[in-house]
């Protein structure tokens, strides 16, 4: 963090954006309950989300693949949701918050590569001309 100096307002904006991203991710989990027509266990959904975030940061498998879904479903089932809706809500959440984001990233990379192929060089800058090297003439 010392390499990137941030002023107080800049650091506050970074923290605010991080909190906003986590809040939107949590809303995605809540919307996954609505998608599978399950009731939200308000006493356990925040705990399940927090535990899933911790588990996703463990370097066991990339992105917590499989572990996040399992821990979410187990904790949600422990707080009173039937196993079917708990697994469905966890899978719907991960489908949107993990796989859809990966798909959008690959689409973005593809579009950037396609545009780079159509317009080589940087936009707005003239392309440099090749320099011709002249041989020195032999002195008599």
Protein backbone atom coordinates (compact mmCIF):
# COMPACT_ATOMS: atom_id res chain seq x y z
CA UNK A 1 0.00 0.00 0.00
CA UNK A 2 2.93 2.34 0.37
CA UNK A 3 3.56 2.15 -3.36
CA UNK A 4 0.15 3.64 -4.09
CA UNK A 5 -0.22 6.81 -2.05
CA UNK A 6 -3.85 7.65 -1.36
CA UNK A 7 -5.17 10.81 0.17
CA UNK A 8 -7.88 10.63 2.81
CA UNK A 9 -10.77 11.21 0.37
CA UNK A 10 -9.32 8.73 -2.12
CA UNK A 11 -9.00 6.04 0.56
CA UNK A 12 -12.56 6.75 1.71
CA UNK A 13 -13.85 6.38 -1.85
CA UNK A 14 -12.02 3.06 -2.26
CA UNK A 15 -13.55 1.78 0.99
CA UNK A 16 -16.99 3.04 -0.07
CA UNK A 17 -16.71 1.25 -3.42
CA UNK A 18 -15.67 -1.97 -1.67
CA UNK A 19 -18.60 -1.80 0.72
CA UNK A 20 -20.92 -1.10 -2.22
CA UNK A 21 -19.55 -4.13 -4.10
CA UNK A 22 -20.08 -6.38 -1.07
CA UNK A 23 -23.58 -4.99 -0.55
CA UNK A 24 -24.48 -5.69 -4.17
CA UNK A 25 -23.06 -9.20 -3.84
CA UNK A 26 -25.18 -9.75 -0.72
CA UNK A 27 -28.24 -8.46 -2.62
CA UNK A 28 -27.43 -11.02 -5.32
CA UNK A 29 -27.66 -13.73 -2.66
CA UNK A 30 -31.00 -12.34 -1.47
CA UNK A 31 -32.29 -12.24 -5.05
CA UNK A 32 -31.29 -15.87 -5.51
CA UNK A 33 -33.78 -16.75 -2.74
CA UNK A 34 -36.49 -14.94 -4.68
CA UNK A 35 -35.46 -16.74 -7.86
CA UNK A 36 -36.03 -20.17 -6.29
CA UNK A 37 -39.15 -19.01 -4.39
CA UNK A 38 -37.63 -19.66 -0.97
CA UNK A 39 -38.08 -17.61 2.17
CA UNK A 40 -35.04 -15.74 3.38
CA UNK A 41 -33.80 -16.90 6.80
CA UNK A 42 -32.89 -13.41 8.03
CA UNK A 43 -31.24 -14.74 11.17
CA UNK A 44 -28.77 -16.88 9.19
CA UNK A 45 -28.33 -15.38 5.73
CA UNK A 46 -25.75 -12.81 6.80
CA UNK A 47 -23.81 -15.49 8.69
CA UNK A 48 -23.95 -17.78 5.65
CA UNK A 49 -22.76 -14.97 3.38
CA UNK A 50 -19.89 -14.06 5.69
CA UNK A 51 -18.80 -17.67 6.04
CA UNK A 52 -18.95 -18.12 2.26
CA UNK A 53 -16.74 -15.06 1.77
CA UNK A 54 -14.18 -16.42 4.22
CA UNK A 55 -14.25 -19.86 2.61
CA UNK A 56 -13.85 -18.35 -0.87
CA UNK A 57 -10.59 -16.70 0.20
CA UNK A 58 -9.02 -20.00 1.30
CA UNK A 59 -6.54 -21.22 -1.33
CA UNK A 60 -7.88 -24.78 -1.46
CA UNK A 61 -9.39 -24.53 -4.94
CA UNK A 62 -9.51 -21.55 -7.32
CA UNK A 63 -12.36 -19.21 -6.49
CA UNK A 64 -13.64 -21.53 -3.76
CA UNK A 65 -15.28 -23.60 -6.48
CA UNK A 66 -17.64 -26.10 -4.88
CA UNK A 67 -16.65 -25.19 -1.34
CA UNK A 68 -18.56 -21.90 -1.31
CA UNK A 69 -21.72 -23.50 -2.66
CA UNK A 70 -21.50 -26.35 -0.16
CA UNK A 71 -20.88 -24.13 2.85
CA UNK A 72 -23.68 -21.77 1.83
CA UNK A 73 -26.14 -24.62 1.38
CA UNK A 74 -25.17 -26.31 4.67
CA UNK A 75 -25.45 -23.12 6.72
CA UNK A 76 -28.73 -22.13 5.08
CA UNK A 77 -30.14 -25.62 5.71
CA UNK A 78 -29.03 -25.37 9.34
CA UNK A 79 -31.08 -22.18 9.67
CA UNK A 80 -34.30 -23.82 8.54
CA UNK A 81 -34.43 -23.82 4.75
CA UNK A 82 -35.17 -27.16 3.11
CA UNK A 83 -32.17 -28.73 1.40
CA UNK A 84 -33.53 -28.33 -2.14
CA UNK A 85 -34.16 -24.58 -1.98
CA UNK A 86 -30.93 -24.03 -0.02
CA UNK A 87 -28.84 -25.76 -2.70
CA UNK A 88 -30.80 -24.04 -5.47
CA UNK A 89 -30.33 -20.60 -3.93
CA UNK A 90 -26.61 -21.22 -3.40
CA UNK A 91 -26.15 -22.42 -6.99
CA UNK A 92 -28.16 -19.51 -8.41
CA UNK A 93 -26.07 -17.07 -6.38
CA UNK A 94 -22.77 -18.57 -7.57
CA UNK A 95 -23.98 -18.79 -11.15
CA UNK A 96 -24.51 -15.04 -11.19
CA UNK A 97 -21.77 -13.82 -8.85
CA UNK A 98 -19.00 -16.10 -10.13
CA UNK A 99 -19.67 -17.65 -13.53
CA UNK A 100 -21.50 -14.71 -15.09
CA UNK A 101 -18.67 -12.39 -14.04
CA UNK A 102 -16.10 -14.76 -15.60
CA UNK A 103 -18.12 -14.92 -18.82
CA UNK A 104 -18.36 -11.12 -18.99
CA UNK A 105 -14.61 -10.88 -18.43
CA UNK A 106 -13.86 -13.25 -21.31
CA UNK A 107 -16.27 -11.37 -23.56
CA UNK A 108 -14.51 -8.12 -22.65
CA UNK A 109 -11.09 -9.62 -23.38
CA UNK A 110 -12.36 -10.87 -26.73
CA UNK A 111 -13.79 -7.48 -27.67
CA UNK A 112 -10.59 -5.70 -26.68
CA UNK A 113 -8.51 -8.15 -28.72
CA UNK A 114 -10.87 -7.76 -31.70
CA UNK A 115 -10.70 -3.97 -31.56
CA UNK A 116 -6.93 -4.09 -31.22
CA UNK A 117 -6.70 -6.21 -34.36
CA UNK A 118 -8.85 -3.75 -36.31
CA UNK A 119 -6.92 -0.68 -35.15
CA UNK A 120 -3.28 -1.42 -34.46
CA UNK A 121 -1.44 1.17 -32.43
CA UNK A 122 -2.85 3.53 -29.89
CA UNK A 123 -5.92 5.54 -30.82
CA UNK A 124 -5.28 9.22 -31.36
CA UNK A 125 -1.55 8.80 -31.95
CA UNK A 126 0.12 8.65 -35.35
CA UNK A 127 1.90 5.42 -36.08
CA UNK A 128 5.68 5.85 -36.18
CA UNK A 129 7.32 5.53 -39.56
CA UNK A 130 10.17 3.07 -39.94
CA UNK A 131 13.58 4.68 -39.75
CA UNK A 132 15.78 4.17 -42.75
CA UNK A 133 19.42 3.61 -41.91
CA UNK A 134 21.79 5.00 -44.49
CA UNK A 135 25.12 3.39 -45.01
CA UNK A 136 28.01 5.82 -44.72
CA UNK A 137 29.63 6.49 -48.06
CA UNK A 138 33.19 5.19 -48.35
CA UNK A 139 35.76 7.96 -48.21
CA UNK A 140 38.25 8.07 -51.09
